[in-house]
Amino acid sequence: MHHYAYIDVMTLEKDLTYLSEQMDSKFFKSLAEPVRLDIIKLMMVKGESDIATLAAQMPQDRSVISRHLSNMVDAGIVTARKEGRHMFYTLRRDQFVSRFEDIL
């Protein structure tokens, strides 16, 4: 006797559409850039950082890092906080992890 698992095709299509949309989101597109991954790694170690702190650890110009950080803010990966003339960026750790958990 064979037991076949019932697959709800509609649910499967819905789940695959959701996964496809998530993989094509600003969040994942932002993670596809190696420099942004390097920024994330630095922020995991250093915590809240400004552009000067990040630029001191990276080969890219401050303007390039600033552009990447703006993209990451837009994607919801980091938050920005202005203090005087300086912008400080923080990795949204909980949001970062929950995005992966939602997909899984």
PDB file of N, CA and C in Angstrom:
ATOM      1  N   MET A   1       0.837  -1.169   0.000  1.00  0.00           N
ATOM      2  CA  MET A   1       0.000   0.000   0.000  1.00  0.00           C
ATOM      3  C   MET A   1       0.891   1.245   0.000  1.00  0.00           C
ATOM      4  N   HIS A   2       0.598   2.169  -0.910  1.00  0.00           N
ATOM      5  CA  HIS A   2       1.371   3.395  -1.035  1.00  0.00           C
ATOM      6  C   HIS A   2       0.622   4.552  -0.396  1.00  0.00           C
ATOM      7  N   HIS A   3       1.365   5.340   0.324  1.00  0.00           N
ATOM      8  CA  HIS A   3       0.799   6.557   0.914  1.00  0.00           C
ATOM      9  C   HIS A   3       1.464   7.746   0.245  1.00  0.00           C
ATOM     10  N   TYR A   4       0.681   8.530  -0.402  1.00  0.00           N
ATOM     11  CA  TYR A   4       1.202   9.713  -1.065  1.00  0.00           C
ATOM     12  C   TYR A   4       0.819  10.948  -0.259  1.00  0.00           C
ATOM     13  N   ALA A   5       1.796  11.807  -0.105  1.00  0.00           N
ATOM     14  CA  ALA A   5       1.531  13.057   0.612  1.00  0.00           C
ATOM     15  C   ALA A   5       0.677  13.944  -0.280  1.00  0.00           C
ATOM     16  N   TYR A   6      -0.322  14.508   0.307  1.00  0.00           N
ATOM     17  CA  TYR A   6      -1.196  15.422  -0.415  1.00  0.00           C
ATOM     18  C   TYR A   6      -0.507  16.781  -0.501  1.00  0.00           C
ATOM     19  N   ILE A   7      -0.377  17.293  -1.704  1.00  0.00           N
ATOM     20  CA  ILE A   7       0.244  18.596  -1.900  1.00  0.00           C
ATOM     21  C   ILE A   7      -0.840  19.556  -2.359  1.00  0.00           C
ATOM     22  N   ASP A   8      -1.041  20.588  -1.584  1.00  0.00           N
ATOM     23  CA  ASP A   8      -2.003  21.623  -1.935  1.00  0.00           C
ATOM     24  C   ASP A   8      -1.321  22.549  -2.941  1.00  0.00           C
ATOM     25  N   VAL A   9      -1.675  22.393  -4.211  1.00  0.00           N
ATOM     26  CA  VAL A   9      -1.028  23.126  -5.290  1.00  0.00           C
ATOM     27  C   VAL A   9      -1.211  24.638  -5.127  1.00  0.00           C
ATOM     28  N   MET A  10      -2.369  25.059  -4.710  1.00  0.00           N
ATOM     29  CA  MET A  10      -2.619  26.496  -4.538  1.00  0.00           C
ATOM     30  C   MET A  10      -1.723  27.083  -3.448  1.00  0.00           C
ATOM     31  N   THR A  11      -1.591  26.364  -2.337  1.00  0.00           N
ATOM     32  CA  THR A  11      -0.733  26.832  -1.252  1.00  0.00           C
ATOM     33  C   THR A  11       0.727  26.842  -1.698  1.00  0.00           C
ATOM     34  N   LEU A  12       1.120  25.803  -2.411  1.00  0.00           N
ATOM     35  CA  LEU A  12       2.487  25.708  -2.899  1.00  0.00           C
ATOM     36  C   LEU A  12       2.796  26.874  -3.843  1.00  0.00           C
ATOM     37  N   GLU A  13       1.890  27.169  -4.761  1.00  0.00           N
ATOM     38  CA  GLU A  13       2.085  28.293  -5.675  1.00  0.00           C
ATOM     39  C   GLU A  13       2.176  29.613  -4.913  1.00  0.00           C
ATOM     40  N   LYS A  14       1.315  29.775  -3.937  1.00  0.00           N
ATOM     41  CA  LYS A  14       1.322  30.996  -3.120  1.00  0.00           C
ATOM     42  C   LYS A  14       2.652  31.136  -2.383  1.00  0.00           C
ATOM     43  N   ASP A  15       3.124  30.034  -1.790  1.00  0.00           N
ATOM     44  CA  ASP A  15       4.391  30.055  -1.054  1.00  0.00           C
ATOM     45  C   ASP A  15       5.565  30.350  -1.989  1.00  0.00           C
ATOM     46  N   LEU A  16       5.556  29.750  -3.173  1.00  0.00           N
ATOM     47  CA  LEU A  16       6.639  29.977  -4.126  1.00  0.00           C
ATOM     48  C   LEU A  16       6.623  31.412  -4.655  1.00  0.00           C
ATOM     49  N   THR A  17       5.441  31.955  -4.842  1.00  0.00           N
ATOM     50  CA  THR A  17       5.330  33.355  -5.272  1.00  0.00           C
ATOM     51  C   THR A  17       5.881  34.270  -4.191  1.00  0.00           C
ATOM     52  N   TYR A  18       5.525  34.002  -2.935  1.00  0.00           N
ATOM     53  CA  TYR A  18       6.035  34.797  -1.812  1.00  0.00           C
ATOM     54  C   TYR A  18       7.558  34.713  -1.752  1.00  0.00           C
ATOM     55  N   LEU A  19       8.099  33.506  -1.864  1.00  0.00           N
ATOM     56  CA  LEU A  19       9.551  33.315  -1.814  1.00  0.00           C
ATOM     57  C   LEU A  19      10.228  34.075  -2.952  1.00  0.00           C
ATOM     58  N   SER A  20       9.668  33.987  -4.133  1.00  0.00           N
ATOM     59  CA  SER A  20      10.218  34.688  -5.285  1.00  0.00           C
ATOM     60  C   SER A  20      10.209  36.200  -5.069  1.00  0.00           C
ATOM     61  N   GLU A  21       9.117  36.717  -4.541  1.00  0.00           N
ATOM     62  CA  GLU A  21       9.030  38.155  -4.263  1.00  0.00           C
ATOM     63  C   GLU A  21      10.060  38.580  -3.222  1.00  0.00           C
ATOM     64  N   GLN A  22      10.240  37.774  -2.200  1.00  0.00           N
ATOM     65  CA  GLN A  22      11.206  38.098  -1.153  1.00  0.00           C
ATOM     66  C   GLN A  22      12.629  38.081  -1.690  1.00  0.00           C
ATOM     67  N   MET A  23      12.943  37.098  -2.520  1.00  0.00           N
ATOM     68  CA  MET A  23      14.291  36.989  -3.067  1.00  0.00           C
ATOM     69  C   MET A  23      14.578  38.134  -4.037  1.00  0.00           C
ATOM     70  N   ASP A  24      13.534  38.734  -4.589  1.00  0.00           N
ATOM     71  CA  ASP A  24      13.690  39.838  -5.522  1.00  0.00           C
ATOM     72  C   ASP A  24      13.481  41.188  -4.830  1.00  0.00           C
ATOM     73  N   SER A  25      13.421  41.187  -3.520  1.00  0.00           N
ATOM     74  CA  SER A  25      13.159  42.411  -2.769  1.00  0.00           C
ATOM     75  C   SER A  25      14.421  43.268  -2.634  1.00  0.00           C
ATOM     76  N   LYS A  26      14.234  44.507  -2.229  1.00  0.00           N
ATOM     77  CA  LYS A  26      15.358  45.409  -1.977  1.00  0.00           C
ATOM     78  C   LYS A  26      16.308  44.805  -0.942  1.00  0.00           C
ATOM     79  N   PHE A  27      15.726  44.125   0.032  1.00  0.00           N
ATOM     80  CA  PHE A  27      16.521  43.519   1.103  1.00  0.00           C
ATOM     81  C   PHE A  27      17.556  42.558   0.523  1.00  0.00           C
ATOM     82  N   PHE A  28      17.115  41.591  -0.277  1.00  0.00           N
ATOM     83  CA  PHE A  28      18.044  40.593  -0.806  1.00  0.00           C
ATOM     84  C   PHE A  28      18.919  41.151  -1.920  1.00  0.00           C
ATOM     85  N   LYS A  29      18.399  42.065  -2.708  1.00  0.00           N
ATOM     86  CA  LYS A  29      19.234  42.690  -3.731  1.00  0.00           C
ATOM     87  C   LYS A  29      20.371  43.461  -3.063  1.00  0.00           C
ATOM     88  N   SER A  30      20.069  44.080  -1.939  1.00  0.00           N
ATOM     89  CA  SER A  30      21.080  44.817  -1.204  1.00  0.00           C
ATOM     90  C   SER A  30      22.174  43.881  -0.681  1.00  0.00           C
ATOM     91  N   LEU A  31      21.794  42.692  -0.279  1.00  0.00           N
ATOM     92  CA  LEU A  31      22.760  41.728   0.247  1.00  0.00           C
ATOM     93  C   LEU A  31      23.620  41.096  -0.845  1.00  0.00           C
ATOM     94  N   ALA A  32      23.241  41.280  -2.100  1.00  0.00           N
ATOM     95  CA  ALA A  32      23.984  40.682  -3.204  1.00  0.00           C
ATOM     96  C   ALA A  32      25.273  41.438  -3.523  1.00  0.00           C
ATOM     97  N   GLU A  33      25.472  42.578  -2.893  1.00  0.00           N
ATOM     98  CA  GLU A  33      26.655  43.396  -3.143  1.00  0.00           C
ATOM     99  C   GLU A  33      27.726  43.100  -2.085  1.00  0.00           C
ATOM    100  N   PRO A  34      28.900  42.608  -2.496  1.00  0.00           N
ATOM    101  CA  PRO A  34      29.958  42.252  -1.527  1.00  0.00           C
ATOM    102  C   PRO A  34      30.359  43.382  -0.576  1.00  0.00           C
ATOM    103  N   VAL A  35      30.401  44.618  -1.059  1.00  0.00           N
ATOM    104  CA  VAL A  35      30.784  45.738  -0.180  1.00  0.00           C
ATOM    105  C   VAL A  35      29.777  45.882   0.952  1.00  0.00           C
ATOM    106  N   ARG A  36      28.503  45.694   0.649  1.00  0.00           N
ATOM    107  CA  ARG A  36      27.471  45.805   1.689  1.00  0.00           C
ATOM    108  C   ARG A  36      27.610  44.689   2.711  1.00  0.00           C
ATOM    109  N   LEU A  37      27.981  43.521   2.257  1.00  0.00           N
ATOM    110  CA  LEU A  37      28.217  42.423   3.205  1.00  0.00           C
ATOM    111  C   LEU A  37      29.402  42.753   4.110  1.00  0.00           C
ATOM    112  N   ASP A  38      30.430  43.385   3.554  1.00  0.00           N
ATOM    113  CA  ASP A  38      31.571  43.811   4.373  1.00  0.00           C
ATOM    114  C   ASP A  38      31.138  44.859   5.406  1.00  0.00           C
ATOM    115  N   ILE A  39      30.265  45.764   5.003  1.00  0.00           N
ATOM    116  CA  ILE A  39      29.751  46.776   5.929  1.00  0.00           C
ATOM    117  C   ILE A  39      28.970  46.103   7.056  1.00  0.00           C
ATOM    118  N   ILE A  40      28.145  45.131   6.701  1.00  0.00           N
ATOM    119  CA  ILE A  40      27.365  44.401   7.710  1.00  0.00           C
ATOM    120  C   ILE A  40      28.295  43.699   8.698  1.00  0.00           C
ATOM    121  N   LYS A  41      29.321  43.046   8.198  1.00  0.00           N
ATOM    122  CA  LYS A  41      30.279  42.354   9.074  1.00  0.00           C
ATOM    123  C   LYS A  41      30.932  43.339  10.047  1.00  0.00           C
ATOM    124  N   LEU A  42      31.354  44.492   9.527  1.00  0.00           N
ATOM    125  CA  LEU A  42      31.970  45.499  10.404  1.00  0.00           C
ATOM    126  C   LEU A  42      30.989  45.988  11.456  1.00  0.00           C
ATOM    127  N   MET A  43      29.758  46.230  11.057  1.00  0.00           N
ATOM    128  CA  MET A  43      28.768  46.730  11.995  1.00  0.00           C
ATOM    129  C   MET A  43      28.395  45.680  13.032  1.00  0.00           C
ATOM    130  N   MET A  44      28.502  44.412  12.678  1.00  0.00           N
ATOM    131  CA  MET A  44      28.234  43.347  13.655  1.00  0.00           C
ATOM    132  C   MET A  44      29.279  43.390  14.770  1.00  0.00           C
ATOM    133  N   VAL A  45      30.491  43.735  14.412  1.00  0.00           N
ATOM    134  CA  VAL A  45      31.578  43.795  15.393  1.00  0.00           C
ATOM    135  C   VAL A  45      31.597  45.131  16.130  1.00  0.00           C
ATOM    136  N   LYS A  46      31.483  46.230  15.388  1.00  0.00           N
ATOM    137  CA  LYS A  46      31.636  47.559  15.971  1.00  0.00           C
ATOM    138  C   LYS A  46      30.350  48.165  16.513  1.00  0.00           C
ATOM    139  N   GLY A  47      29.210  47.642  16.096  1.00  0.00           N
ATOM    140  CA  GLY A  47      27.947  48.241  16.504  1.00  0.00           C
ATOM    141  C   GLY A  47      27.687  49.519  15.720  1.00  0.00           C
ATOM    142  N   GLU A  48      26.993  50.454  16.340  1.00  0.00           N
ATOM    143  CA  GLU A  48      26.666  51.703  15.659  1.00  0.00           C
ATOM    144  C   GLU A  48      27.946  52.370  15.161  1.00  0.00           C
ATOM    145  N   SER A  49      27.920  52.800  13.899  1.00  0.00           N
ATOM    146  CA  SER A  49      29.117  53.383  13.293  1.00  0.00           C
ATOM    147  C   SER A  49      28.747  54.544  12.392  1.00  0.00           C
ATOM    148  N   ASP A  50      29.692  55.461  12.248  1.00  0.00           N
ATOM    149  CA  ASP A  50      29.517  56.522  11.264  1.00  0.00           C
ATOM    150  C   ASP A  50      30.350  56.172  10.031  1.00  0.00           C
ATOM    151  N   ILE A  51      30.215  56.973   8.993  1.00  0.00           N
ATOM    152  CA  ILE A  51      30.903  56.670   7.734  1.00  0.00           C
ATOM    153  C   ILE A  51      32.420  56.686   7.920  1.00  0.00           C
ATOM    154  N   ALA A  52      32.932  57.622   8.706  1.00  0.00           N
ATOM    155  CA  ALA A  52      34.380  57.711   8.921  1.00  0.00           C
ATOM    156  C   ALA A  52      34.923  56.445   9.567  1.00  0.00           C
ATOM    157  N   THR A  53      34.214  55.913  10.543  1.00  0.00           N
ATOM    158  CA  THR A  53      34.647  54.683  11.218  1.00  0.00           C
ATOM    159  C   THR A  53      34.677  53.513  10.236  1.00  0.00           C
ATOM    160  N   LEU A  54      33.640  53.398   9.422  1.00  0.00           N
ATOM    161  CA  LEU A  54      33.595  52.317   8.436  1.00  0.00           C
ATOM    162  C   LEU A  54      34.661  52.508   7.361  1.00  0.00           C
ATOM    163  N   ALA A  55      34.824  53.742   6.887  1.00  0.00           N
ATOM    164  CA  ALA A  55      35.794  54.026   5.823  1.00  0.00           C
ATOM    165  C   ALA A  55      37.225  53.741   6.266  1.00  0.00           C
ATOM    166  N   ALA A  56      37.502  53.906   7.556  1.00  0.00           N
ATOM    167  CA  ALA A  56      38.850  53.634   8.066  1.00  0.00           C
ATOM    168  C   ALA A  56      39.199  52.146   7.970  1.00  0.00           C
ATOM    169  N   GLN A  57      38.190  51.294   7.880  1.00  0.00           N
ATOM    170  CA  GLN A  57      38.397  49.850   7.839  1.00  0.00           C
ATOM    171  C   GLN A  57      38.221  49.246   6.441  1.00  0.00           C
ATOM    172  N   MET A  58      37.869  50.098   5.461  1.00  0.00           N
ATOM    173  CA  MET A  58      37.535  49.595   4.133  1.00  0.00           C
ATOM    174  C   MET A  58      38.329  50.346   3.065  1.00  0.00           C
ATOM    175  N   PRO A  59      38.551  49.706   1.906  1.00  0.00           N
ATOM    176  CA  PRO A  59      39.306  50.367   0.841  1.00  0.00           C
ATOM    177  C   PRO A  59      38.485  51.377   0.029  1.00  0.00           C
ATOM    178  N   GLN A  60      37.172  51.361   0.155  1.00  0.00           N
ATOM    179  CA  GLN A  60      36.328  52.253  -0.635  1.00  0.00           C
ATOM    180  C   GLN A  60      36.337  53.676  -0.072  1.00  0.00           C
ATOM    181  N   ASP A  61      36.059  54.633  -0.966  1.00  0.00           N
ATOM    182  CA  ASP A  61      35.925  56.030  -0.553  1.00  0.00           C
ATOM    183  C   ASP A  61      34.680  56.201   0.311  1.00  0.00           C
ATOM    184  N   ARG A  62      34.697  57.257   1.098  1.00  0.00           N
ATOM    185  CA  ARG A  62      33.546  57.556   1.961  1.00  0.00           C
ATOM    186  C   ARG A  62      32.262  57.724   1.156  1.00  0.00           C
ATOM    187  N   SER A  63      32.360  58.329  -0.031  1.00  0.00           N
ATOM    188  CA  SER A  63      31.168  58.545  -0.855  1.00  0.00           C
ATOM    189  C   SER A  63      30.558  57.216  -1.299  1.00  0.00           C
ATOM    190  N   VAL A  64      31.388  56.236  -1.578  1.00  0.00           N
ATOM    191  CA  VAL A  64      30.903  54.910  -1.981  1.00  0.00           C
ATOM    192  C   VAL A  64      30.225  54.233  -0.794  1.00  0.00           C
ATOM    193  N   ILE A  65      30.840  54.307   0.357  1.00  0.00           N
ATOM    194  CA  ILE A  65      30.261  53.715   1.563  1.00  0.00           C
ATOM    195  C   ILE A  65      28.944  54.404   1.906  1.00  0.00           C
ATOM    196  N   SER A  66      28.904  55.716   1.768  1.00  0.00           N
ATOM    197  CA  SER A  66      27.675  56.462   2.032  1.00  0.00           C
ATOM    198  C   SER A  66      26.546  56.007   1.111  1.00  0.00           C
ATOM    199  N   ARG A  67      26.853  55.812  -0.150  1.00  0.00           N
ATOM    200  CA  ARG A  67      25.847  55.352  -1.117  1.00  0.00           C
ATOM    201  C   ARG A  67      25.340  53.958  -0.747  1.00  0.00           C
ATOM    202  N   HIS A  68      26.245  53.077  -0.339  1.00  0.00           N
ATOM    203  CA  HIS A  68      25.842  51.729   0.081  1.00  0.00           C
ATOM    204  C   HIS A  68      24.975  51.784   1.337  1.00  0.00           C
ATOM    205  N   LEU A  69      25.343  52.631   2.278  1.00  0.00           N
ATOM    206  CA  LEU A  69      24.554  52.758   3.507  1.00  0.00           C
ATOM    207  C   LEU A  69      23.149  53.291   3.208  1.00  0.00           C
ATOM    208  N   SER A  70      23.041  54.231   2.292  1.00  0.00           N
ATOM    209  CA  SER A  70      21.724  54.749   1.903  1.00  0.00           C
ATOM    210  C   SER A  70      20.861  53.631   1.329  1.00  0.00           C
ATOM    211  N   ASN A  71      21.465  52.798   0.506  1.00  0.00           N
ATOM    212  CA  ASN A  71      20.746  51.656  -0.057  1.00  0.00           C
ATOM    213  C   ASN A  71      20.301  50.709   1.045  1.00  0.00           C
ATOM    214  N   MET A  72      21.164  50.492   2.024  1.00  0.00           N
ATOM    215  CA  MET A  72      20.863  49.565   3.117  1.00  0.00           C
ATOM    216  C   MET A  72      19.766  50.122   4.035  1.00  0.00           C
ATOM    217  N   VAL A  73      19.727  51.435   4.206  1.00  0.00           N
ATOM    218  CA  VAL A  73      18.641  52.062   4.967  1.00  0.00           C
ATOM    219  C   VAL A  73      17.332  51.843   4.220  1.00  0.00           C
ATOM    220  N   ASP A  74      17.355  52.087   2.918  1.00  0.00           N
ATOM    221  CA  ASP A  74      16.167  51.917   2.083  1.00  0.00           C
ATOM    222  C   ASP A  74      15.668  50.469   2.101  1.00  0.00           C
ATOM    223  N   ALA A  75      16.583  49.526   2.199  1.00  0.00           N
ATOM    224  CA  ALA A  75      16.234  48.105   2.218  1.00  0.00           C
ATOM    225  C   ALA A  75      15.827  47.614   3.609  1.00  0.00           C
ATOM    226  N   GLY A  76      15.984  48.466   4.619  1.00  0.00           N
ATOM    227  CA  GLY A  76      15.605  48.082   5.977  1.00  0.00           C
ATOM    228  C   GLY A  76      16.648  47.276   6.718  1.00  0.00           C
ATOM    229  N   ILE A  77      17.879  47.301   6.232  1.00  0.00           N
ATOM    230  CA  ILE A  77      18.952  46.526   6.866  1.00  0.00           C
ATOM    231  C   ILE A  77      19.598  47.308   8.002  1.00  0.00           C
ATOM    232  N   VAL A  78      19.723  48.618   7.823  1.00  0.00           N
ATOM    233  CA  VAL A  78      20.292  49.470   8.864  1.00  0.00           C
ATOM    234  C   VAL A  78      19.362  50.663   9.104  1.00  0.00           C
ATOM    235  N   THR A  79      19.538  51.296  10.247  1.00  0.00           N
ATOM    236  CA  THR A  79      18.845  52.543  10.537  1.00  0.00           C
ATOM    237  C   THR A  79      19.881  53.661  10.585  1.00  0.00           C
ATOM    238  N   ALA A  80      19.421  54.875  10.352  1.00  0.00           N
ATOM    239  CA  ALA A  80      20.310  56.037  10.386  1.00  0.00           C
ATOM    240  C   ALA A  80      19.811  57.006  11.455  1.00  0.00           C
ATOM    241  N   ARG A  81      20.775  57.573  12.167  1.00  0.00           N
ATOM    242  CA  ARG A  81      20.459  58.549  13.212  1.00  0.00           C
ATOM    243  C   ARG A  81      21.429  59.712  13.059  1.00  0.00           C
ATOM    244  N   LYS A  82      20.875  60.911  12.990  1.00  0.00           N
ATOM    245  CA  LYS A  82      21.717  62.095  12.817  1.00  0.00           C
ATOM    246  C   LYS A  82      22.023  62.704  14.179  1.00  0.00           C
ATOM    247  N   GLU A  83      23.297  63.016  14.359  1.00  0.00           N
ATOM    248  CA  GLU A  83      23.746  63.680  15.582  1.00  0.00           C
ATOM    249  C   GLU A  83      24.673  64.810  15.154  1.00  0.00           C
ATOM    250  N   GLY A  84      24.168  66.008  15.235  1.00  0.00           N
ATOM    251  CA  GLY A  84      24.949  67.140  14.728  1.00  0.00           C
ATOM    252  C   GLY A  84      25.111  67.013  13.227  1.00  0.00           C
ATOM    253  N   ARG A  85      26.354  67.025  12.784  1.00  0.00           N
ATOM    254  CA  ARG A  85      26.637  66.885  11.348  1.00  0.00           C
ATOM    255  C   ARG A  85      26.941  65.445  10.956  1.00  0.00           C
ATOM    256  N   HIS A  86      26.908  64.551  11.885  1.00  0.00           N
ATOM    257  CA  HIS A  86      27.263  63.152  11.616  1.00  0.00           C
ATOM    258  C   HIS A  86      26.034  62.250  11.565  1.00  0.00           C
ATOM    259  N   MET A  87      26.105  61.264  10.686  1.00  0.00           N
ATOM    260  CA  MET A  87      25.081  60.224  10.608  1.00  0.00           C
ATOM    261  C   MET A  87      25.678  58.956  11.212  1.00  0.00           C
ATOM    262  N   PHE A  88      24.903  58.326  12.067  1.00  0.00           N
ATOM    263  CA  PHE A  88      25.311  57.072  12.675  1.00  0.00           C
ATOM    264  C   PHE A  88      24.369  55.975  12.191  1.00  0.00           C
ATOM    265  N   TYR A  89      24.937  54.851  11.845  1.00  0.00           N
ATOM    266  CA  TYR A  89      24.178  53.739  11.287  1.00  0.00           C
ATOM    267  C   TYR A  89      24.250  52.534  12.211  1.00  0.00           C
ATOM    268  N   THR A  90      23.118  51.869  12.337  1.00  0.00           N
ATOM    269  CA  THR A  90      23.014  50.693  13.198  1.00  0.00           C
ATOM    270  C   THR A  90      22.376  49.556  12.417  1.00  0.00           C
ATOM    271  N   LEU A  91      22.966  48.393  12.522  1.00  0.00           N
ATOM    272  CA  LEU A  91      22.408  47.202  11.898  1.00  0.00           C
ATOM    273  C   LEU A  91      21.127  46.816  12.626  1.00  0.00           C
ATOM    274  N   ARG A  92      20.072  46.598  11.877  1.00  0.00           N
ATOM    275  CA  ARG A  92      18.796  46.192  12.471  1.00  0.00           C
ATOM    276  C   ARG A  92      18.832  44.678  12.656  1.00  0.00           C
ATOM    277  N   ARG A  93      19.527  44.232  13.678  1.00  0.00           N
ATOM    278  CA  ARG A  93      19.772  42.806  13.899  1.00  0.00           C
ATOM    279  C   ARG A  93      18.488  41.983  13.955  1.00  0.00           C
ATOM    280  N   ASP A  94      17.515  42.420  14.749  1.00  0.00           N
ATOM    281  CA  ASP A  94      16.271  41.656  14.876  1.00  0.00           C
ATOM    282  C   ASP A  94      15.540  41.570  13.547  1.00  0.00           C
ATOM    283  N   GLN A  95      15.465  42.688  12.838  1.00  0.00           N
ATOM    284  CA  GLN A  95      14.809  42.733  11.534  1.00  0.00           C
ATOM    285  C   GLN A  95      15.563  41.855  10.541  1.00  0.00           C
ATOM    286  N   PHE A  96      16.865  41.917  10.608  1.00  0.00           N
ATOM    287  CA  PHE A  96      17.731  41.156   9.714  1.00  0.00           C
ATOM    288  C   PHE A  96      17.453  39.658   9.861  1.00  0.00           C
ATOM    289  N   VAL A  97      17.463  39.177  11.076  1.00  0.00           N
ATOM    290  CA  VAL A  97      17.229  37.756  11.350  1.00  0.00           C
ATOM    291  C   VAL A  97      15.790  37.362  11.025  1.00  0.00           C
ATOM    292  N   SER A  98      14.832  38.199  11.387  1.00  0.00           N
ATOM    293  CA  SER A  98      13.425  37.840  11.170  1.00  0.00           C
ATOM    294  C   SER A  98      13.088  37.744   9.686  1.00  0.00           C
ATOM    295  N   ARG A  99      13.766  38.505   8.841  1.00  0.00           N
ATOM    296  CA  ARG A  99      13.522  38.391   7.391  1.00  0.00           C
ATOM    297  C   ARG A  99      13.878  36.991   6.900  1.00  0.00           C
ATOM    298  N   PHE A 100      14.992  36.475   7.370  1.00  0.00           N
ATOM    299  CA  PHE A 100      15.386  35.110   6.980  1.00  0.00           C
ATOM    300  C   PHE A 100      14.436  34.079   7.582  1.00  0.00           C
ATOM    301  N   GLU A 101      14.063  34.272   8.825  1.00  0.00           N
ATOM    302  CA  GLU A 101      13.128  33.337   9.474  1.00  0.00           C
ATOM    303  C   GLU A 101      11.781  33.310   8.766  1.00  0.00           C
ATOM    304  N   ASP A 102      11.292  34.466   8.334  1.00  0.00           N
ATOM    305  CA  ASP A 102      10.013  34.524   7.615  1.00  0.00           C
ATOM    306  C   ASP A 102      10.057  33.681   6.347  1.00  0.00           C
ATOM    307  N   ILE A 103      11.150  33.739   5.647  1.00  0.00           N
ATOM    308  CA  ILE A 103      11.263  32.984   4.402  1.00  0.00           C
ATOM    309  C   ILE A 103      11.362  31.487   4.682  1.00  0.00           C
ATOM    310  N   LEU A 104      12.136  31.150   5.705  1.00  0.00           N
ATOM    311  CA  LEU A 104      12.268  29.725   6.045  1.00  0.00           C
ATOM    312  C   LEU A 104      10.958  29.182   6.584  1.00  0.00           C
TER     313      LEU A 104
END
